[in-house]
Amino acid sequence: MSRVEEIQSAIDSLPPEDYTRLREWFANKDWEQWDQELEADTTGGRLDFLKNEAKTEKAQGRLQDL
């Protein structure tokens, strides 16, 4: 059995309260990783095209309030 399969089996055997705690922990971990990736993309200039597009749209008067 692979390590992932062992983990899956262990998760399947968790009591509901522990399963809920694990899901919350995993969701938080995902968001933390997403935040780190977004920060790296922002710092690295990989999202500059969005900023430039917004500036162009604003200059052309095509932005709308939400």
PDB file of N, CA and C in Angstrom:
ATOM      1  N   MET A   1       0.850  -1.174   0.000  1.00  0.00           N
ATOM      2  CA  MET A   1       0.000   0.000   0.000  1.00  0.00           C
ATOM      3  C   MET A   1       0.899   1.241   0.000  1.00  0.00           C
ATOM      4  N   SER A   2       0.578   2.195  -0.870  1.00  0.00           N
ATOM      5  CA  SER A   2       1.372   3.420  -0.944  1.00  0.00           C
ATOM      6  C   SER A   2       1.075   4.318   0.254  1.00  0.00           C
ATOM      7  N   ARG A   3       1.925   5.277   0.436  1.00  0.00           N
ATOM      8  CA  ARG A   3       1.750   6.208   1.559  1.00  0.00           C
ATOM      9  C   ARG A   3       0.427   6.963   1.445  1.00  0.00           C
ATOM     10  N   VAL A   4       0.090   7.380   0.226  1.00  0.00           N
ATOM     11  CA  VAL A   4      -1.169   8.104   0.024  1.00  0.00           C
ATOM     12  C   VAL A   4      -2.348   7.199   0.375  1.00  0.00           C
ATOM     13  N   GLU A   5      -2.288   5.955  -0.046  1.00  0.00           N
ATOM     14  CA  GLU A   5      -3.370   5.021   0.268  1.00  0.00           C
ATOM     15  C   GLU A   5      -3.485   4.800   1.776  1.00  0.00           C
ATOM     16  N   GLU A   6      -2.346   4.760   2.465  1.00  0.00           N
ATOM     17  CA  GLU A   6      -2.368   4.625   3.921  1.00  0.00           C
ATOM     18  C   GLU A   6      -3.042   5.835   4.563  1.00  0.00           C
ATOM     19  N   ILE A   7      -2.718   7.015   4.057  1.00  0.00           N
ATOM     20  CA  ILE A   7      -3.320   8.245   4.585  1.00  0.00           C
ATOM     21  C   ILE A   7      -4.819   8.247   4.308  1.00  0.00           C
ATOM     22  N   GLN A   8      -5.196   7.858   3.092  1.00  0.00           N
ATOM     23  CA  GLN A   8      -6.617   7.804   2.751  1.00  0.00           C
ATOM     24  C   GLN A   8      -7.360   6.838   3.664  1.00  0.00           C
ATOM     25  N   SER A   9      -6.766   5.703   3.913  1.00  0.00           N
ATOM     26  CA  SER A   9      -7.386   4.712   4.796  1.00  0.00           C
ATOM     27  C   SER A   9      -7.531   5.265   6.211  1.00  0.00           C
ATOM     28  N   ALA A  10      -6.498   5.950   6.683  1.00  0.00           N
ATOM     29  CA  ALA A  10      -6.557   6.542   8.019  1.00  0.00           C
ATOM     30  C   ALA A  10      -7.651   7.607   8.090  1.00  0.00           C
ATOM     31  N   ILE A  11      -7.779   8.400   7.043  1.00  0.00           N
ATOM     32  CA  ILE A  11      -8.817   9.436   7.007  1.00  0.00           C
ATOM     33  C   ILE A  11     -10.194   8.795   7.023  1.00  0.00           C
ATOM     34  N   ASP A  12     -10.364   7.727   6.251  1.00  0.00           N
ATOM     35  CA  ASP A  12     -11.652   7.035   6.211  1.00  0.00           C
ATOM     36  C   ASP A  12     -12.069   6.503   7.578  1.00  0.00           C
ATOM     37  N   SER A  13     -11.100   6.210   8.432  1.00  0.00           N
ATOM     38  CA  SER A  13     -11.423   5.632   9.737  1.00  0.00           C
ATOM     39  C   SER A  13     -11.547   6.678  10.848  1.00  0.00           C
ATOM     40  N   LEU A  14     -11.392   7.939  10.526  1.00  0.00           N
ATOM     41  CA  LEU A  14     -11.486   8.989  11.546  1.00  0.00           C
ATOM     42  C   LEU A  14     -12.918   9.138  12.053  1.00  0.00           C
ATOM     43  N   PRO A  15     -13.054   9.429  13.342  1.00  0.00           N
ATOM     44  CA  PRO A  15     -14.382   9.790  13.844  1.00  0.00           C
ATOM     45  C   PRO A  15     -14.792  11.143  13.251  1.00  0.00           C
ATOM     46  N   PRO A  16     -16.087  11.411  13.181  1.00  0.00           N
ATOM     47  CA  PRO A  16     -16.570  12.644  12.534  1.00  0.00           C
ATOM     48  C   PRO A  16     -15.910  13.927  13.046  1.00  0.00           C
ATOM     49  N   GLU A  17     -15.691  14.024  14.353  1.00  0.00           N
ATOM     50  CA  GLU A  17     -15.105  15.256  14.904  1.00  0.00           C
ATOM     51  C   GLU A  17     -13.680  15.459  14.393  1.00  0.00           C
ATOM     52  N   ASP A  18     -12.913  14.381  14.357  1.00  0.00           N
ATOM     53  CA  ASP A  18     -11.537  14.473  13.873  1.00  0.00           C
ATOM     54  C   ASP A  18     -11.501  14.743  12.373  1.00  0.00           C
ATOM     55  N   TYR A  19     -12.434  14.153  11.646  1.00  0.00           N
ATOM     56  CA  TYR A  19     -12.511  14.389  10.205  1.00  0.00           C
ATOM     57  C   TYR A  19     -12.795  15.868   9.934  1.00  0.00           C
ATOM     58  N   THR A  20     -13.692  16.439  10.710  1.00  0.00           N
ATOM     59  CA  THR A  20     -14.013  17.864  10.556  1.00  0.00           C
ATOM     60  C   THR A  20     -12.794  18.725  10.851  1.00  0.00           C
ATOM     61  N   ARG A  21     -12.080  18.403  11.923  1.00  0.00           N
ATOM     62  CA  ARG A  21     -10.864  19.156  12.259  1.00  0.00           C
ATOM     63  C   ARG A  21      -9.825  19.044  11.143  1.00  0.00           C
ATOM     64  N   LEU A  22      -9.678  17.841  10.580  1.00  0.00           N
ATOM     65  CA  LEU A  22      -8.721  17.631   9.493  1.00  0.00           C
ATOM     66  C   LEU A  22      -9.109  18.451   8.268  1.00  0.00           C
ATOM     67  N   ARG A  23     -10.392  18.452   7.935  1.00  0.00           N
ATOM     68  CA  ARG A  23     -10.855  19.234   6.780  1.00  0.00           C
ATOM     69  C   ARG A  23     -10.580  20.715   6.977  1.00  0.00           C
ATOM     70  N   GLU A  24     -10.835  21.216   8.174  1.00  0.00           N
ATOM     71  CA  GLU A  24     -10.577  22.627   8.459  1.00  0.00           C
ATOM     72  C   GLU A  24      -9.091  22.933   8.350  1.00  0.00           C
ATOM     73  N   TRP A  25      -8.263  22.063   8.908  1.00  0.00           N
ATOM     74  CA  TRP A  25      -6.812  22.245   8.835  1.00  0.00           C
ATOM     75  C   TRP A  25      -6.350  22.247   7.382  1.00  0.00           C
ATOM     76  N   PHE A  26      -6.860  21.299   6.592  1.00  0.00           N
ATOM     77  CA  PHE A  26      -6.438  21.183   5.205  1.00  0.00           C
ATOM     78  C   PHE A  26      -6.890  22.394   4.387  1.00  0.00           C
ATOM     79  N   ALA A  27      -8.105  22.853   4.639  1.00  0.00           N
ATOM     80  CA  ALA A  27      -8.600  24.037   3.931  1.00  0.00           C
ATOM     81  C   ALA A  27      -7.742  25.255   4.263  1.00  0.00           C
ATOM     82  N   ASN A  28      -7.402  25.424   5.535  1.00  0.00           N
ATOM     83  CA  ASN A  28      -6.540  26.542   5.932  1.00  0.00           C
ATOM     84  C   ASN A  28      -5.169  26.429   5.286  1.00  0.00           C
ATOM     85  N   LYS A  29      -4.637  25.223   5.222  1.00  0.00           N
ATOM     86  CA  LYS A  29      -3.337  24.999   4.591  1.00  0.00           C
ATOM     87  C   LYS A  29      -3.394  25.376   3.110  1.00  0.00           C
ATOM     88  N   ASP A  30      -4.475  24.997   2.434  1.00  0.00           N
ATOM     89  CA  ASP A  30      -4.646  25.363   1.024  1.00  0.00           C
ATOM     90  C   ASP A  30      -4.662  26.880   0.844  1.00  0.00           C
ATOM     91  N   TRP A  31      -5.418  27.577   1.708  1.00  0.00           N
ATOM     92  CA  TRP A  31      -5.489  29.034   1.595  1.00  0.00           C
ATOM     93  C   TRP A  31      -4.143  29.679   1.871  1.00  0.00           C
ATOM     94  N   GLU A  32      -3.394  29.156   2.843  1.00  0.00           N
ATOM     95  CA  GLU A  32      -2.059  29.692   3.119  1.00  0.00           C
ATOM     96  C   GLU A  32      -1.148  29.525   1.908  1.00  0.00           C
ATOM     97  N   GLN A  33      -1.214  28.363   1.273  1.00  0.00           N
ATOM     98  CA  GLN A  33      -0.395  28.124   0.084  1.00  0.00           C
ATOM     99  C   GLN A  33      -0.820  29.060  -1.047  1.00  0.00           C
ATOM    100  N   TRP A  34      -2.124  29.233  -1.222  1.00  0.00           N
ATOM    101  CA  TRP A  34      -2.636  30.139  -2.245  1.00  0.00           C
ATOM    102  C   TRP A  34      -2.130  31.562  -1.991  1.00  0.00           C
ATOM    103  N   ASP A  35      -2.182  32.007  -0.736  1.00  0.00           N
ATOM    104  CA  ASP A  35      -1.692  33.341  -0.387  1.00  0.00           C
ATOM    105  C   ASP A  35      -0.210  33.495  -0.730  1.00  0.00           C
ATOM    106  N   GLN A  36       0.579  32.473  -0.443  1.00  0.00           N
ATOM    107  CA  GLN A  36       2.013  32.518  -0.747  1.00  0.00           C
ATOM    108  C   GLN A  36       2.249  32.579  -2.254  1.00  0.00           C
ATOM    109  N   GLU A  37       1.486  31.804  -3.012  1.00  0.00           N
ATOM    110  CA  GLU A  37       1.633  31.822  -4.471  1.00  0.00           C
ATOM    111  C   GLU A  37       1.230  33.177  -5.038  1.00  0.00           C
ATOM    112  N   LEU A  38       0.139  33.731  -4.524  1.00  0.00           N
ATOM    113  CA  LEU A  38      -0.325  35.035  -4.990  1.00  0.00           C
ATOM    114  C   LEU A  38       0.696  36.120  -4.668  1.00  0.00           C
ATOM    115  N   GLU A  39       1.258  36.066  -3.475  1.00  0.00           N
ATOM    116  CA  GLU A  39       2.288  37.033  -3.083  1.00  0.00           C
ATOM    117  C   GLU A  39       3.506  36.919  -3.993  1.00  0.00           C
ATOM    118  N   ALA A  40       3.926  35.694  -4.281  1.00  0.00           N
ATOM    119  CA  ALA A  40       5.081  35.484  -5.162  1.00  0.00           C
ATOM    120  C   ALA A  40       4.780  35.985  -6.572  1.00  0.00           C
ATOM    121  N   ASP A  41       3.570  35.730  -7.057  1.00  0.00           N
ATOM    122  CA  ASP A  41       3.197  36.200  -8.392  1.00  0.00           C
ATOM    123  C   ASP A  41       3.156  37.720  -8.443  1.00  0.00           C
ATOM    124  N   THR A  42       2.645  38.330  -7.389  1.00  0.00           N
ATOM    125  CA  THR A  42       2.567  39.790  -7.330  1.00  0.00           C
ATOM    126  C   THR A  42       3.963  40.394  -7.281  1.00  0.00           C
ATOM    127  N   THR A  43       4.793  39.881  -6.395  1.00  0.00           N
ATOM    128  CA  THR A  43       6.158  40.376  -6.250  1.00  0.00           C
ATOM    129  C   THR A  43       6.961  40.154  -7.523  1.00  0.00           C
ATOM    130  N   GLY A  44       6.720  39.033  -8.183  1.00  0.00           N
ATOM    131  CA  GLY A  44       7.459  38.696  -9.396  1.00  0.00           C
ATOM    132  C   GLY A  44       6.949  39.391 -10.645  1.00  0.00           C
ATOM    133  N   GLY A  45       5.889  40.203 -10.505  1.00  0.00           N
ATOM    134  CA  GLY A  45       5.378  40.952 -11.645  1.00  0.00           C
ATOM    135  C   GLY A  45       4.495  40.147 -12.585  1.00  0.00           C
ATOM    136  N   ARG A  46       4.143  38.929 -12.195  1.00  0.00           N
ATOM    137  CA  ARG A  46       3.349  38.084 -13.085  1.00  0.00           C
ATOM    138  C   ARG A  46       1.886  38.514 -13.171  1.00  0.00           C
ATOM    139  N   LEU A  47       1.483  39.450 -12.326  1.00  0.00           N
ATOM    140  CA  LEU A  47       0.107  39.944 -12.372  1.00  0.00           C
ATOM    141  C   LEU A  47       0.032  41.389 -12.856  1.00  0.00           C
ATOM    142  N   ASP A  48       1.150  41.920 -13.292  1.00  0.00           N
ATOM    143  CA  ASP A  48       1.173  43.305 -13.765  1.00  0.00           C
ATOM    144  C   ASP A  48       0.209  43.534 -14.921  1.00  0.00           C
ATOM    145  N   PHE A  49      -0.013  42.511 -15.730  1.00  0.00           N
ATOM    146  CA  PHE A  49      -0.917  42.678 -16.864  1.00  0.00           C
ATOM    147  C   PHE A  49      -2.329  43.040 -16.385  1.00  0.00           C
ATOM    148  N   LEU A  50      -2.736  42.533 -15.231  1.00  0.00           N
ATOM    149  CA  LEU A  50      -4.059  42.879 -14.698  1.00  0.00           C
ATOM    150  C   LEU A  50      -4.113  44.346 -14.286  1.00  0.00           C
ATOM    151  N   LYS A  51      -3.060  44.806 -13.634  1.00  0.00           N
ATOM    152  CA  LYS A  51      -2.985  46.209 -13.224  1.00  0.00           C
ATOM    153  C   LYS A  51      -3.008  47.111 -14.460  1.00  0.00           C
ATOM    154  N   ASN A  52      -2.231  46.747 -15.465  1.00  0.00           N
ATOM    155  CA  ASN A  52      -2.170  47.550 -16.688  1.00  0.00           C
ATOM    156  C   ASN A  52      -3.513  47.558 -17.412  1.00  0.00           C
ATOM    157  N   GLU A  53      -4.172  46.412 -17.429  1.00  0.00           N
ATOM    158  CA  GLU A  53      -5.484  46.334 -18.076  1.00  0.00           C
ATOM    159  C   GLU A  53      -6.493  47.225 -17.349  1.00  0.00           C
ATOM    160  N   ALA A  54      -6.467  47.214 -16.027  1.00  0.00           N
ATOM    161  CA  ALA A  54      -7.383  48.050 -15.250  1.00  0.00           C
ATOM    162  C   ALA A  54      -7.104  49.531 -15.487  1.00  0.00           C
ATOM    163  N   LYS A  55      -5.835  49.900 -15.554  1.00  0.00           N
ATOM    164  CA  LYS A  55      -5.491  51.301 -15.820  1.00  0.00           C
ATOM    165  C   LYS A  55      -5.994  51.730 -17.194  1.00  0.00           C
ATOM    166  N   THR A  56      -5.844  50.863 -18.176  1.00  0.00           N
ATOM    167  CA  THR A  56      -6.318  51.169 -19.528  1.00  0.00           C
ATOM    168  C   THR A  56      -7.833  51.328 -19.536  1.00  0.00           C
ATOM    169  N   GLU A  57      -8.531  50.406 -18.898  1.00  0.00           N
ATOM    170  CA  GLU A  57      -9.996  50.474 -18.840  1.00  0.00           C
ATOM    171  C   GLU A  57     -10.451  51.751 -18.136  1.00  0.00           C
ATOM    172  N   LYS A  58      -9.757  52.121 -17.058  1.00  0.00           N
ATOM    173  CA  LYS A  58     -10.112  53.341 -16.331  1.00  0.00           C
ATOM    174  C   LYS A  58      -9.888  54.563 -17.208  1.00  0.00           C
ATOM    175  N   ALA A  59      -8.756  54.606 -17.895  1.00  0.00           N
ATOM    176  CA  ALA A  59      -8.445  55.750 -18.765  1.00  0.00           C
ATOM    177  C   ALA A  59      -9.470  55.891 -19.878  1.00  0.00           C
ATOM    178  N   GLN A  60     -10.030  54.774 -20.310  1.00  0.00           N
ATOM    179  CA  GLN A  60     -11.021  54.801 -21.387  1.00  0.00           C
ATOM    180  C   GLN A  60     -12.446  54.927 -20.853  1.00  0.00           C
ATOM    181  N   GLY A  61     -12.581  55.077 -19.536  1.00  0.00           N
ATOM    182  CA  GLY A  61     -13.895  55.262 -18.926  1.00  0.00           C
ATOM    183  C   GLY A  61     -14.782  54.032 -18.985  1.00  0.00           C
ATOM    184  N   ARG A  62     -14.184  52.860 -19.034  1.00  0.00           N
ATOM    185  CA  ARG A  62     -14.988  51.641 -19.183  1.00  0.00           C
ATOM    186  C   ARG A  62     -15.122  50.833 -17.895  1.00  0.00           C
ATOM    187  N   LEU A  63     -14.683  51.384 -16.769  1.00  0.00           N
ATOM    188  CA  LEU A  63     -14.867  50.682 -15.502  1.00  0.00           C
ATOM    189  C   LEU A  63     -16.253  50.986 -14.959  1.00  0.00           C
ATOM    190  N   GLN A  64     -16.859  49.984 -14.355  1.00  0.00           N
ATOM    191  CA  GLN A  64     -18.183  50.156 -13.769  1.00  0.00           C
ATOM    192  C   GLN A  64     -18.119  49.797 -12.291  1.00  0.00           C
ATOM    193  N   ASP A  65     -18.886  50.537 -11.490  1.00  0.00           N
ATOM    194  CA  ASP A  65     -18.999  50.198 -10.073  1.00  0.00           C
ATOM    195  C   ASP A  65     -19.739  48.877  -9.944  1.00  0.00           C
ATOM    196  N   LEU A  66     -19.315  48.105  -8.964  1.00  0.00           N
ATOM    197  CA  LEU A  66     -20.004  46.834  -8.707  1.00  0.00           C
ATOM    198  C   LEU A  66     -21.215  47.039  -7.849  1.00  0.00           C
TER     199      LEU A  66
END
